[in-house]
Amino acid sequence: MGASKVDIYSNEINQIAAVAKVFSHPARVAILQYISKQEACICNDIVEEIGLAQATISQHLKVINDAGLLKGTFEGKSLCYCLNVERFQELQELFNSFFNKTKLNCC
């Protein structure tokens, strides 16, 4: 597979694509939904709730985190996750702007 050439696109387009990647997988959506209902949670809690292997959950958490949607703190040897509410608000504005600028008329 060739290189993605993300550098030829604007920061706005790359951000939208990164977030779209998060929401393109049902496990990631389920993980976000679960975390949103908790005060904070540890990866093992997510594994029990979602029903996927710990390594798989960790891979999904990495994609979600790379999009900036998570905050985390270490508690002993565990990483405790919560949603990055500020980032969700930024993305809401980004998506609203994108949809408002995009013409919705076609053929």
PDB file of N, CA and C in Angstrom:
ATOM      1  N   MET A   1       0.842  -1.170   0.000  1.00  0.00           N
ATOM      2  CA  MET A   1       0.000   0.000   0.000  1.00  0.00           C
ATOM      3  C   MET A   1       0.891   1.237   0.000  1.00  0.00           C
ATOM      4  N   GLY A   2       0.516   2.267  -0.775  1.00  0.00           N
ATOM      5  CA  GLY A   2       1.305   3.482  -0.902  1.00  0.00           C
ATOM      6  C   GLY A   2       1.165   4.390   0.289  1.00  0.00           C
ATOM      7  N   ALA A   3       1.998   5.420   0.304  1.00  0.00           N
ATOM      8  CA  ALA A   3       1.946   6.423   1.362  1.00  0.00           C
ATOM      9  C   ALA A   3       0.658   7.231   1.246  1.00  0.00           C
ATOM     10  N   SER A   4       0.174   7.742   2.367  1.00  0.00           N
ATOM     11  CA  SER A   4      -1.118   8.424   2.382  1.00  0.00           C
ATOM     12  C   SER A   4      -1.037   9.898   1.985  1.00  0.00           C
ATOM     13  N   LYS A   5       0.142  10.520   2.026  1.00  0.00           N
ATOM     14  CA  LYS A   5       0.335  11.914   1.638  1.00  0.00           C
ATOM     15  C   LYS A   5      -0.571  12.882   2.393  1.00  0.00           C
ATOM     16  N   VAL A   6      -0.720  12.679   3.695  1.00  0.00           N
ATOM     17  CA  VAL A   6      -1.580  13.550   4.488  1.00  0.00           C
ATOM     18  C   VAL A   6      -1.087  14.988   4.491  1.00  0.00           C
ATOM     19  N   ASP A   7       0.195  15.199   4.183  1.00  0.00           N
ATOM     20  CA  ASP A   7       0.752  16.550   4.209  1.00  0.00           C
ATOM     21  C   ASP A   7       0.211  17.439   3.091  1.00  0.00           C
ATOM     22  N   ILE A   8      -0.455  16.876   2.096  1.00  0.00           N
ATOM     23  CA  ILE A   8      -1.003  17.700   1.019  1.00  0.00           C
ATOM     24  C   ILE A   8      -2.382  18.255   1.367  1.00  0.00           C
ATOM     25  N   TYR A   9      -2.953  17.820   2.502  1.00  0.00           N
ATOM     26  CA  TYR A   9      -4.279  18.263   2.922  1.00  0.00           C
ATOM     27  C   TYR A   9      -4.177  19.240   4.080  1.00  0.00           C
ATOM     28  N   SER A  10      -5.199  20.033   4.249  1.00  0.00           N
ATOM     29  CA  SER A  10      -5.207  21.005   5.348  1.00  0.00           C
ATOM     30  C   SER A  10      -5.313  20.281   6.691  1.00  0.00           C
ATOM     31  N   ASN A  11      -4.934  20.989   7.733  1.00  0.00           N
ATOM     32  CA  ASN A  11      -5.045  20.458   9.093  1.00  0.00           C
ATOM     33  C   ASN A  11      -6.492  20.095   9.401  1.00  0.00           C
ATOM     34  N   GLU A  12      -7.430  20.930   8.945  1.00  0.00           N
ATOM     35  CA  GLU A  12      -8.855  20.674   9.175  1.00  0.00           C
ATOM     36  C   GLU A  12      -9.285  19.344   8.556  1.00  0.00           C
ATOM     37  N   ILE A  13      -8.888  19.109   7.322  1.00  0.00           N
ATOM     38  CA  ILE A  13      -9.257  17.861   6.643  1.00  0.00           C
ATOM     39  C   ILE A  13      -8.621  16.664   7.339  1.00  0.00           C
ATOM     40  N   ASN A  14      -7.365  16.780   7.740  1.00  0.00           N
ATOM     41  CA  ASN A  14      -6.696  15.671   8.434  1.00  0.00           C
ATOM     42  C   ASN A  14      -7.345  15.380   9.783  1.00  0.00           C
ATOM     43  N   GLN A  15      -7.783  16.424  10.501  1.00  0.00           N
ATOM     44  CA  GLN A  15      -8.467  16.214  11.775  1.00  0.00           C
ATOM     45  C   GLN A  15      -9.797  15.489  11.574  1.00  0.00           C
ATOM     46  N   ILE A  16     -10.551  15.916  10.583  1.00  0.00           N
ATOM     47  CA  ILE A  16     -11.831  15.272  10.290  1.00  0.00           C
ATOM     48  C   ILE A  16     -11.613  13.805   9.932  1.00  0.00           C
ATOM     49  N   ALA A  17     -10.591  13.525   9.130  1.00  0.00           N
ATOM     50  CA  ALA A  17     -10.302  12.146   8.739  1.00  0.00           C
ATOM     51  C   ALA A  17      -9.906  11.290   9.943  1.00  0.00           C
ATOM     52  N   ALA A  18      -9.119  11.852  10.865  1.00  0.00           N
ATOM     53  CA  ALA A  18      -8.699  11.106  12.057  1.00  0.00           C
ATOM     54  C   ALA A  18      -9.896  10.761  12.932  1.00  0.00           C
ATOM     55  N   VAL A  19     -10.811  11.700  13.077  1.00  0.00           N
ATOM     56  CA  VAL A  19     -11.989  11.449  13.899  1.00  0.00           C
ATOM     57  C   VAL A  19     -12.931  10.479  13.190  1.00  0.00           C
ATOM     58  N   ALA A  20     -13.040  10.614  11.877  1.00  0.00           N
ATOM     59  CA  ALA A  20     -13.872   9.680  11.117  1.00  0.00           C
ATOM     60  C   ALA A  20     -13.352   8.254  11.277  1.00  0.00           C
ATOM     61  N   LYS A  21     -12.040   8.095  11.350  1.00  0.00           N
ATOM     62  CA  LYS A  21     -11.451   6.766  11.564  1.00  0.00           C
ATOM     63  C   LYS A  21     -11.896   6.188  12.909  1.00  0.00           C
ATOM     64  N   VAL A  22     -11.951   7.041  13.922  1.00  0.00           N
ATOM     65  CA  VAL A  22     -12.403   6.585  15.243  1.00  0.00           C
ATOM     66  C   VAL A  22     -13.830   6.065  15.157  1.00  0.00           C
ATOM     67  N   PHE A  23     -14.703   6.840  14.537  1.00  0.00           N
ATOM     68  CA  PHE A  23     -16.119   6.493  14.494  1.00  0.00           C
ATOM     69  C   PHE A  23     -16.461   5.481  13.410  1.00  0.00           C
ATOM     70  N   SER A  24     -15.466   5.048  12.635  1.00  0.00           N
ATOM     71  CA  SER A  24     -15.734   4.073  11.573  1.00  0.00           C
ATOM     72  C   SER A  24     -15.746   2.636  12.076  1.00  0.00           C
ATOM     73  N   HIS A  25     -15.391   2.409  13.324  1.00  0.00           N
ATOM     74  CA  HIS A  25     -15.365   1.044  13.868  1.00  0.00           C
ATOM     75  C   HIS A  25     -16.321   0.954  15.056  1.00  0.00           C
ATOM     76  N   PRO A  26     -17.255   0.002  15.028  1.00  0.00           N
ATOM     77  CA  PRO A  26     -18.244  -0.090  16.112  1.00  0.00           C
ATOM     78  C   PRO A  26     -17.633  -0.331  17.490  1.00  0.00           C
ATOM     79  N   ALA A  27     -16.513  -1.028  17.569  1.00  0.00           N
ATOM     80  CA  ALA A  27     -15.879  -1.248  18.874  1.00  0.00           C
ATOM     81  C   ALA A  27     -15.405   0.077  19.462  1.00  0.00           C
ATOM     82  N   ARG A  28     -14.881   0.954  18.616  1.00  0.00           N
ATOM     83  CA  ARG A  28     -14.407   2.246  19.113  1.00  0.00           C
ATOM     84  C   ARG A  28     -15.571   3.102  19.591  1.00  0.00           C
ATOM     85  N   VAL A  29     -16.668   3.062  18.870  1.00  0.00           N
ATOM     86  CA  VAL A  29     -17.860   3.801  19.293  1.00  0.00           C
ATOM     87  C   VAL A  29     -18.353   3.258  20.635  1.00  0.00           C
ATOM     88  N   ALA A  30     -18.371   1.938  20.775  1.00  0.00           N
ATOM     89  CA  ALA A  30     -18.796   1.312  22.035  1.00  0.00           C
ATOM     90  C   ALA A  30     -17.856   1.692  23.176  1.00  0.00           C
ATOM     91  N   ILE A  31     -16.560   1.727  22.906  1.00  0.00           N
ATOM     92  CA  ILE A  31     -15.588   2.122  23.929  1.00  0.00           C
ATOM     93  C   ILE A  31     -15.835   3.563  24.367  1.00  0.00           C
ATOM     94  N   LEU A  32     -16.016   4.462  23.402  1.00  0.00           N
ATOM     95  CA  LEU A  32     -16.293   5.860  23.747  1.00  0.00           C
ATOM     96  C   LEU A  32     -17.576   5.987  24.557  1.00  0.00           C
ATOM     97  N   GLN A  33     -18.584   5.268  24.150  1.00  0.00           N
ATOM     98  CA  GLN A  33     -19.865   5.325  24.865  1.00  0.00           C
ATOM     99  C   GLN A  33     -19.700   4.821  26.299  1.00  0.00           C
ATOM    100  N   TYR A  34     -18.974   3.722  26.469  1.00  0.00           N
ATOM    101  CA  TYR A  34     -18.748   3.175  27.805  1.00  0.00           C
ATOM    102  C   TYR A  34     -17.980   4.174  28.677  1.00  0.00           C
ATOM    103  N   ILE A  35     -16.891   4.722  28.131  1.00  0.00           N
ATOM    104  CA  ILE A  35     -16.087   5.663  28.901  1.00  0.00           C
ATOM    105  C   ILE A  35     -16.911   6.896  29.272  1.00  0.00           C
ATOM    106  N   SER A  36     -17.786   7.334  28.370  1.00  0.00           N
ATOM    107  CA  SER A  36     -18.582   8.536  28.632  1.00  0.00           C
ATOM    108  C   SER A  36     -19.531   8.365  29.805  1.00  0.00           C
ATOM    109  N   LYS A  37     -19.857   7.139  30.143  1.00  0.00           N
ATOM    110  CA  LYS A  37     -20.794   6.874  31.237  1.00  0.00           C
ATOM    111  C   LYS A  37     -20.088   6.629  32.570  1.00  0.00           C
ATOM    112  N   GLN A  38     -18.753   6.658  32.560  1.00  0.00           N
ATOM    113  CA  GLN A  38     -17.974   6.380  33.767  1.00  0.00           C
ATOM    114  C   GLN A  38     -17.331   7.665  34.269  1.00  0.00           C
ATOM    115  N   GLU A  39     -17.025   7.693  35.548  1.00  0.00           N
ATOM    116  CA  GLU A  39     -16.215   8.786  36.088  1.00  0.00           C
ATOM    117  C   GLU A  39     -14.802   8.672  35.530  1.00  0.00           C
ATOM    118  N   ALA A  40     -14.299   7.466  35.481  1.00  0.00           N
ATOM    119  CA  ALA A  40     -12.999   7.126  34.915  1.00  0.00           C
ATOM    120  C   ALA A  40     -12.965   5.604  34.835  1.00  0.00           C
ATOM    121  N   CYS A  41     -12.167   5.071  33.937  1.00  0.00           N
ATOM    122  CA  CYS A  41     -12.103   3.608  33.862  1.00  0.00           C
ATOM    123  C   CYS A  41     -10.725   3.160  33.416  1.00  0.00           C
ATOM    124  N   ILE A  42     -10.437   1.932  33.712  1.00  0.00           N
ATOM    125  CA  ILE A  42      -9.161   1.309  33.409  1.00  0.00           C
ATOM    126  C   ILE A  42      -9.393   0.328  32.258  1.00  0.00           C
ATOM    127  N   CYS A  43      -8.370   0.080  31.483  1.00  0.00           N
ATOM    128  CA  CYS A  43      -8.480  -0.782  30.305  1.00  0.00           C
ATOM    129  C   CYS A  43      -9.161  -2.112  30.619  1.00  0.00           C
ATOM    130  N   ASN A  44      -8.855  -2.707  31.759  1.00  0.00           N
ATOM    131  CA  ASN A  44      -9.480  -3.992  32.112  1.00  0.00           C
ATOM    132  C   ASN A  44     -10.993  -3.866  32.273  1.00  0.00           C
ATOM    133  N   ASP A  45     -11.465  -2.712  32.760  1.00  0.00           N
ATOM    134  CA  ASP A  45     -12.905  -2.470  32.856  1.00  0.00           C
ATOM    135  C   ASP A  45     -13.527  -2.471  31.461  1.00  0.00           C
ATOM    136  N   ILE A  46     -12.837  -1.848  30.527  1.00  0.00           N
ATOM    137  CA  ILE A  46     -13.323  -1.774  29.146  1.00  0.00           C
ATOM    138  C   ILE A  46     -13.344  -3.165  28.526  1.00  0.00           C
ATOM    139  N   VAL A  47     -12.316  -3.953  28.781  1.00  0.00           N
ATOM    140  CA  VAL A  47     -12.241  -5.324  28.260  1.00  0.00           C
ATOM    141  C   VAL A  47     -13.452  -6.125  28.730  1.00  0.00           C
ATOM    142  N   GLU A  48     -13.757  -6.029  30.014  1.00  0.00           N
ATOM    143  CA  GLU A  48     -14.899  -6.764  30.563  1.00  0.00           C
ATOM    144  C   GLU A  48     -16.214  -6.308  29.941  1.00  0.00           C
ATOM    145  N   GLU A  49     -16.365  -5.013  29.746  1.00  0.00           N
ATOM    146  CA  GLU A  49     -17.614  -4.461  29.217  1.00  0.00           C
ATOM    147  C   GLU A  49     -17.791  -4.745  27.729  1.00  0.00           C
ATOM    148  N   ILE A  50     -16.744  -4.551  26.941  1.00  0.00           N
ATOM    149  CA  ILE A  50     -16.838  -4.662  25.482  1.00  0.00           C
ATOM    150  C   ILE A  50     -16.730  -6.109  25.016  1.00  0.00           C
ATOM    151  N   GLY A  51     -15.949  -6.915  25.733  1.00  0.00           N
ATOM    152  CA  GLY A  51     -15.848  -8.336  25.386  1.00  0.00           C
ATOM    153  C   GLY A  51     -14.804  -8.669  24.337  1.00  0.00           C
ATOM    154  N   LEU A  52     -13.854  -7.768  24.132  1.00  0.00           N
ATOM    155  CA  LEU A  52     -12.750  -8.040  23.214  1.00  0.00           C
ATOM    156  C   LEU A  52     -11.480  -8.266  24.020  1.00  0.00           C
ATOM    157  N   ALA A  53     -10.478  -8.836  23.396  1.00  0.00           N
ATOM    158  CA  ALA A  53      -9.206  -9.092  24.071  1.00  0.00           C
ATOM    159  C   ALA A  53      -8.552  -7.773  24.483  1.00  0.00           C
ATOM    160  N   GLN A  54      -7.754  -7.836  25.542  1.00  0.00           N
ATOM    161  CA  GLN A  54      -7.090  -6.652  26.064  1.00  0.00           C
ATOM    162  C   GLN A  54      -6.218  -6.003  24.997  1.00  0.00           C
ATOM    163  N   ALA A  55      -5.497  -6.789  24.213  1.00  0.00           N
ATOM    164  CA  ALA A  55      -4.634  -6.229  23.164  1.00  0.00           C
ATOM    165  C   ALA A  55      -5.457  -5.498  22.104  1.00  0.00           C
ATOM    166  N   THR A  56      -6.607  -6.041  21.777  1.00  0.00           N
ATOM    167  CA  THR A  56      -7.489  -5.406  20.794  1.00  0.00           C
ATOM    168  C   THR A  56      -8.029  -4.093  21.330  1.00  0.00           C
ATOM    169  N   ILE A  57      -8.457  -4.093  22.581  1.00  0.00           N
ATOM    170  CA  ILE A  57      -8.941  -2.864  23.214  1.00  0.00           C
ATOM    171  C   ILE A  57      -7.832  -1.819  23.230  1.00  0.00           C
ATOM    172  N   SER A  58      -6.628  -2.223  23.551  1.00  0.00           N
ATOM    173  CA  SER A  58      -5.499  -1.290  23.586  1.00  0.00           C
ATOM    174  C   SER A  58      -5.242  -0.675  22.215  1.00  0.00           C
ATOM    175  N   GLN A  59      -5.368  -1.475  21.163  1.00  0.00           N
ATOM    176  CA  GLN A  59      -5.192  -0.944  19.805  1.00  0.00           C
ATOM    177  C   GLN A  59      -6.270   0.086  19.481  1.00  0.00           C
ATOM    178  N   HIS A  60      -7.507  -0.211  19.855  1.00  0.00           N
ATOM    179  CA  HIS A  60      -8.595   0.733  19.621  1.00  0.00           C
ATOM    180  C   HIS A  60      -8.400   2.006  20.451  1.00  0.00           C
ATOM    181  N   LEU A  61      -7.968   1.858  21.695  1.00  0.00           N
ATOM    182  CA  LEU A  61      -7.714   3.024  22.543  1.00  0.00           C
ATOM    183  C   LEU A  61      -6.621   3.912  21.957  1.00  0.00           C
ATOM    184  N   LYS A  62      -5.633   3.309  21.323  1.00  0.00           N
ATOM    185  CA  LYS A  62      -4.560   4.085  20.693  1.00  0.00           C
ATOM    186  C   LYS A  62      -5.123   4.955  19.575  1.00  0.00           C
ATOM    187  N   VAL A  63      -5.981   4.398  18.728  1.00  0.00           N
ATOM    188  CA  VAL A  63      -6.578   5.166  17.631  1.00  0.00           C
ATOM    189  C   VAL A  63      -7.424   6.307  18.199  1.00  0.00           C
ATOM    190  N   ILE A  64      -8.205   6.005  19.232  1.00  0.00           N
ATOM    191  CA  ILE A  64      -9.051   7.021  19.857  1.00  0.00           C
ATOM    192  C   ILE A  64      -8.185   8.111  20.486  1.00  0.00           C
ATOM    193  N   ASN A  65      -7.144   7.698  21.167  1.00  0.00           N
ATOM    194  CA  ASN A  65      -6.245   8.648  21.820  1.00  0.00           C
ATOM    195  C   ASN A  65      -5.490   9.492  20.798  1.00  0.00           C
ATOM    196  N   ASP A  66      -5.050   8.888  19.699  1.00  0.00           N
ATOM    197  CA  ASP A  66      -4.333   9.624  18.657  1.00  0.00           C
ATOM    198  C   ASP A  66      -5.191  10.747  18.067  1.00  0.00           C
ATOM    199  N   ALA A  67      -6.500  10.586  18.095  1.00  0.00           N
ATOM    200  CA  ALA A  67      -7.416  11.628  17.620  1.00  0.00           C
ATOM    201  C   ALA A  67      -7.660  12.677  18.701  1.00  0.00           C
ATOM    202  N   GLY A  68      -7.078  12.473  19.883  1.00  0.00           N
ATOM    203  CA  GLY A  68      -7.181  13.453  20.960  1.00  0.00           C
ATOM    204  C   GLY A  68      -8.453  13.367  21.776  1.00  0.00           C
ATOM    205  N   LEU A  69      -9.165  12.250  21.666  1.00  0.00           N
ATOM    206  CA  LEU A  69     -10.467  12.142  22.324  1.00  0.00           C
ATOM    207  C   LEU A  69     -10.404  11.627  23.757  1.00  0.00           C
ATOM    208  N   LEU A  70      -9.212  11.235  24.224  1.00  0.00           N
ATOM    209  CA  LEU A  70      -9.081  10.688  25.573  1.00  0.00           C
ATOM    210  C   LEU A  70      -8.090  11.494  26.400  1.00  0.00           C
ATOM    211  N   LYS A  71      -8.320  11.454  27.693  1.00  0.00           N
ATOM    212  CA  LYS A  71      -7.346  11.906  28.682  1.00  0.00           C
ATOM    213  C   LYS A  71      -7.043  10.688  29.527  1.00  0.00           C
ATOM    214  N   GLY A  72      -5.866  10.637  30.085  1.00  0.00           N
ATOM    215  CA  GLY A  72      -5.533   9.497  30.923  1.00  0.00           C
ATOM    216  C   GLY A  72      -4.588   9.881  32.032  1.00  0.00           C
ATOM    217  N   THR A  73      -4.718   9.153  33.138  1.00  0.00           N
ATOM    218  CA  THR A  73      -3.803   9.332  34.261  1.00  0.00           C
ATOM    219  C   THR A  73      -3.365   7.947  34.716  1.00  0.00           C
ATOM    220  N   PHE A  74      -2.143   7.866  35.210  1.00  0.00           N
ATOM    221  CA  PHE A  74      -1.664   6.594  35.722  1.00  0.00           C
ATOM    222  C   PHE A  74      -2.106   6.415  37.161  1.00  0.00           C
ATOM    223  N   GLU A  75      -2.646   5.243  37.450  1.00  0.00           N
ATOM    224  CA  GLU A  75      -2.990   4.851  38.813  1.00  0.00           C
ATOM    225  C   GLU A  75      -2.256   3.540  39.074  1.00  0.00           C
ATOM    226  N   GLY A  76      -1.142   3.633  39.749  1.00  0.00           N
ATOM    227  CA  GLY A  76      -0.301   2.453  39.920  1.00  0.00           C
ATOM    228  C   GLY A  76       0.268   2.064  38.571  1.00  0.00           C
ATOM    229  N   LYS A  77      -0.010   0.842  38.127  1.00  0.00           N
ATOM    230  CA  LYS A  77       0.462   0.381  36.822  1.00  0.00           C
ATOM    231  C   LYS A  77      -0.616   0.491  35.755  1.00  0.00           C
ATOM    232  N   SER A  78      -1.775   1.011  36.122  1.00  0.00           N
ATOM    233  CA  SER A  78      -2.897   1.086  35.192  1.00  0.00           C
ATOM    234  C   SER A  78      -3.099   2.509  34.682  1.00  0.00           C
ATOM    235  N   LEU A  79      -3.554   2.604  33.455  1.00  0.00           N
ATOM    236  CA  LEU A  79      -3.905   3.891  32.879  1.00  0.00           C
ATOM    237  C   LEU A  79      -5.408   4.055  32.985  1.00  0.00           C
ATOM    238  N   CYS A  80      -5.825   5.135  33.590  1.00  0.00           N
ATOM    239  CA  CYS A  80      -7.236   5.416  33.820  1.00  0.00           C
ATOM    240  C   CYS A  80      -7.704   6.411  32.761  1.00  0.00           C
ATOM    241  N   TYR A  81      -8.752   6.067  32.004  1.00  0.00           N
ATOM    242  CA  TYR A  81      -9.213   6.879  30.878  1.00  0.00           C
ATOM    243  C   TYR A  81     -10.466   7.665  31.207  1.00  0.00           C
ATOM    244  N   CYS A  82     -10.555   8.848  30.606  1.00  0.00           N
ATOM    245  CA  CYS A  82     -11.792   9.621  30.572  1.00  0.00           C
ATOM    246  C   CYS A  82     -11.808  10.393  29.257  1.00  0.00           C
ATOM    247  N   LEU A  83     -12.968  10.944  28.908  1.00  0.00           N
ATOM    248  CA  LEU A  83     -13.084  11.665  27.648  1.00  0.00           C
ATOM    249  C   LEU A  83     -12.460  13.048  27.756  1.00  0.00           C
ATOM    250  N   ASN A  84     -11.873  13.494  26.666  1.00  0.00           N
ATOM    251  CA  ASN A  84     -11.340  14.846  26.562  1.00  0.00           C
ATOM    252  C   ASN A  84     -12.479  15.733  26.054  1.00  0.00           C
ATOM    253  N   VAL A  85     -13.245  16.280  26.978  1.00  0.00           N
ATOM    254  CA  VAL A  85     -14.449  17.041  26.649  1.00  0.00           C
ATOM    255  C   VAL A  85     -14.107  18.262  25.796  1.00  0.00           C
ATOM    256  N   GLU A  86     -13.000  18.916  26.100  1.00  0.00           N
ATOM    257  CA  GLU A  86     -12.595  20.083  25.326  1.00  0.00           C
ATOM    258  C   GLU A  86     -12.367  19.711  23.863  1.00  0.00           C
ATOM    259  N   ARG A  87     -11.751  18.567  23.631  1.00  0.00           N
ATOM    260  CA  ARG A  87     -11.491  18.112  22.257  1.00  0.00           C
ATOM    261  C   ARG A  87     -12.804  17.796  21.542  1.00  0.00           C
ATOM    262  N   PHE A  88     -13.756  17.182  22.246  1.00  0.00           N
ATOM    263  CA  PHE A  88     -15.061  16.912  21.639  1.00  0.00           C
ATOM    264  C   PHE A  88     -15.726  18.220  21.224  1.00  0.00           C
ATOM    265  N   GLN A  89     -15.610  19.254  22.047  1.00  0.00           N
ATOM    266  CA  GLN A  89     -16.202  20.550  21.712  1.00  0.00           C
ATOM    267  C   GLN A  89     -15.513  21.169  20.500  1.00  0.00           C
ATOM    268  N   GLU A  90     -14.179  21.076  20.434  1.00  0.00           N
ATOM    269  CA  GLU A  90     -13.434  21.564  19.274  1.00  0.00           C
ATOM    270  C   GLU A  90     -13.896  20.851  18.004  1.00  0.00           C
ATOM    271  N   LEU A  91     -14.062  19.536  18.108  1.00  0.00           N
ATOM    272  CA  LEU A  91     -14.456  18.756  16.939  1.00  0.00           C
ATOM    273  C   LEU A  91     -15.889  19.052  16.519  1.00  0.00           C
ATOM    274  N   GLN A  92     -16.741  19.333  17.487  1.00  0.00           N
ATOM    275  CA  GLN A  92     -18.110  19.699  17.151  1.00  0.00           C
ATOM    276  C   GLN A  92     -18.097  20.984  16.325  1.00  0.00           C
ATOM    277  N   GLU A  93     -17.295  21.958  16.732  1.00  0.00           N
ATOM    278  CA  GLU A  93     -17.173  23.204  15.971  1.00  0.00           C
ATOM    279  C   GLU A  93     -16.563  22.947  14.595  1.00  0.00           C
ATOM    280  N   LEU A  94     -15.552  22.077  14.540  1.00  0.00           N
ATOM    281  CA  LEU A  94     -14.905  21.745  13.272  1.00  0.00           C
ATOM    282  C   LEU A  94     -15.890  21.105  12.300  1.00  0.00           C
ATOM    283  N   PHE A  95     -16.660  20.137  12.780  1.00  0.00           N
ATOM    284  CA  PHE A  95     -17.638  19.469  11.928  1.00  0.00           C
ATOM    285  C   PHE A  95     -18.757  20.420  11.518  1.00  0.00           C
ATOM    286  N   ASN A  96     -19.231  21.249  12.441  1.00  0.00           N
ATOM    287  CA  ASN A  96     -20.269  22.224  12.102  1.00  0.00           C
ATOM    288  C   ASN A  96     -19.779  23.160  11.005  1.00  0.00           C
ATOM    289  N   SER A  97     -18.549  23.642  11.139  1.00  0.00           N
ATOM    290  CA  SER A  97     -17.970  24.521  10.137  1.00  0.00           C
ATOM    291  C   SER A  97     -17.860  23.811   8.793  1.00  0.00           C
ATOM    292  N   PHE A  98     -17.386  22.577   8.824  1.00  0.00           N
ATOM    293  CA  PHE A  98     -17.244  21.799   7.590  1.00  0.00           C
ATOM    294  C   PHE A  98     -18.588  21.631   6.890  1.00  0.00           C
ATOM    295  N   PHE A  99     -19.603  21.228   7.632  1.00  0.00           N
ATOM    296  CA  PHE A  99     -20.917  21.007   7.025  1.00  0.00           C
ATOM    297  C   PHE A  99     -21.566  22.313   6.580  1.00  0.00           C
ATOM    298  N   ASN A 100     -21.329  23.392   7.319  1.00  0.00           N
ATOM    299  CA  ASN A 100     -21.892  24.681   6.933  1.00  0.00           C
ATOM    300  C   ASN A 100     -21.253  25.231   5.673  1.00  0.00           C
ATOM    301  N   LYS A 101     -19.958  24.909   5.447  1.00  0.00           N
ATOM    302  CA  LYS A 101     -19.250  25.379   4.258  1.00  0.00           C
ATOM    303  C   LYS A 101     -19.483  24.486   3.045  1.00  0.00           C
ATOM    304  N   THR A 102     -19.921  23.277   3.281  1.00  0.00           N
ATOM    305  CA  THR A 102     -20.102  22.311   2.195  1.00  0.00           C
ATOM    306  C   THR A 102     -21.479  22.495   1.585  1.00  0.00           C
ATOM    307  N   LYS A 103     -21.494  22.700   0.290  1.00  0.00           N
ATOM    308  CA  LYS A 103     -22.781  22.862  -0.396  1.00  0.00           C
ATOM    309  C   LYS A 103     -23.502  21.521  -0.407  1.00  0.00           C
ATOM    310  N   LEU A 104     -24.756  21.567  -0.049  1.00  0.00           N
ATOM    311  CA  LEU A 104     -25.535  20.326   0.036  1.00  0.00           C
ATOM    312  C   LEU A 104     -26.435  20.123  -1.180  1.00  0.00           C
ATOM    313  N   ASN A 105     -26.257  20.960  -2.205  1.00  0.00           N
ATOM    314  CA  ASN A 105     -27.055  20.744  -3.404  1.00  0.00           C
ATOM    315  C   ASN A 105     -26.256  19.919  -4.400  1.00  0.00           C
ATOM    316  N   CYS A 106     -26.931  19.039  -5.049  1.00  0.00           N
ATOM    317  CA  CYS A 106     -26.255  18.152  -5.998  1.00  0.00           C
ATOM    318  C   CYS A 106     -27.256  17.763  -7.075  1.00  0.00           C
ATOM    319  N   CYS A 107     -26.761  17.569  -8.242  1.00  0.00           N
ATOM    320  CA  CYS A 107     -27.561  17.128  -9.412  1.00  0.00           C
ATOM    321  C   CYS A 107     -29.003  17.559  -9.319  1.00  0.00           C
TER     322      CYS A 107
END
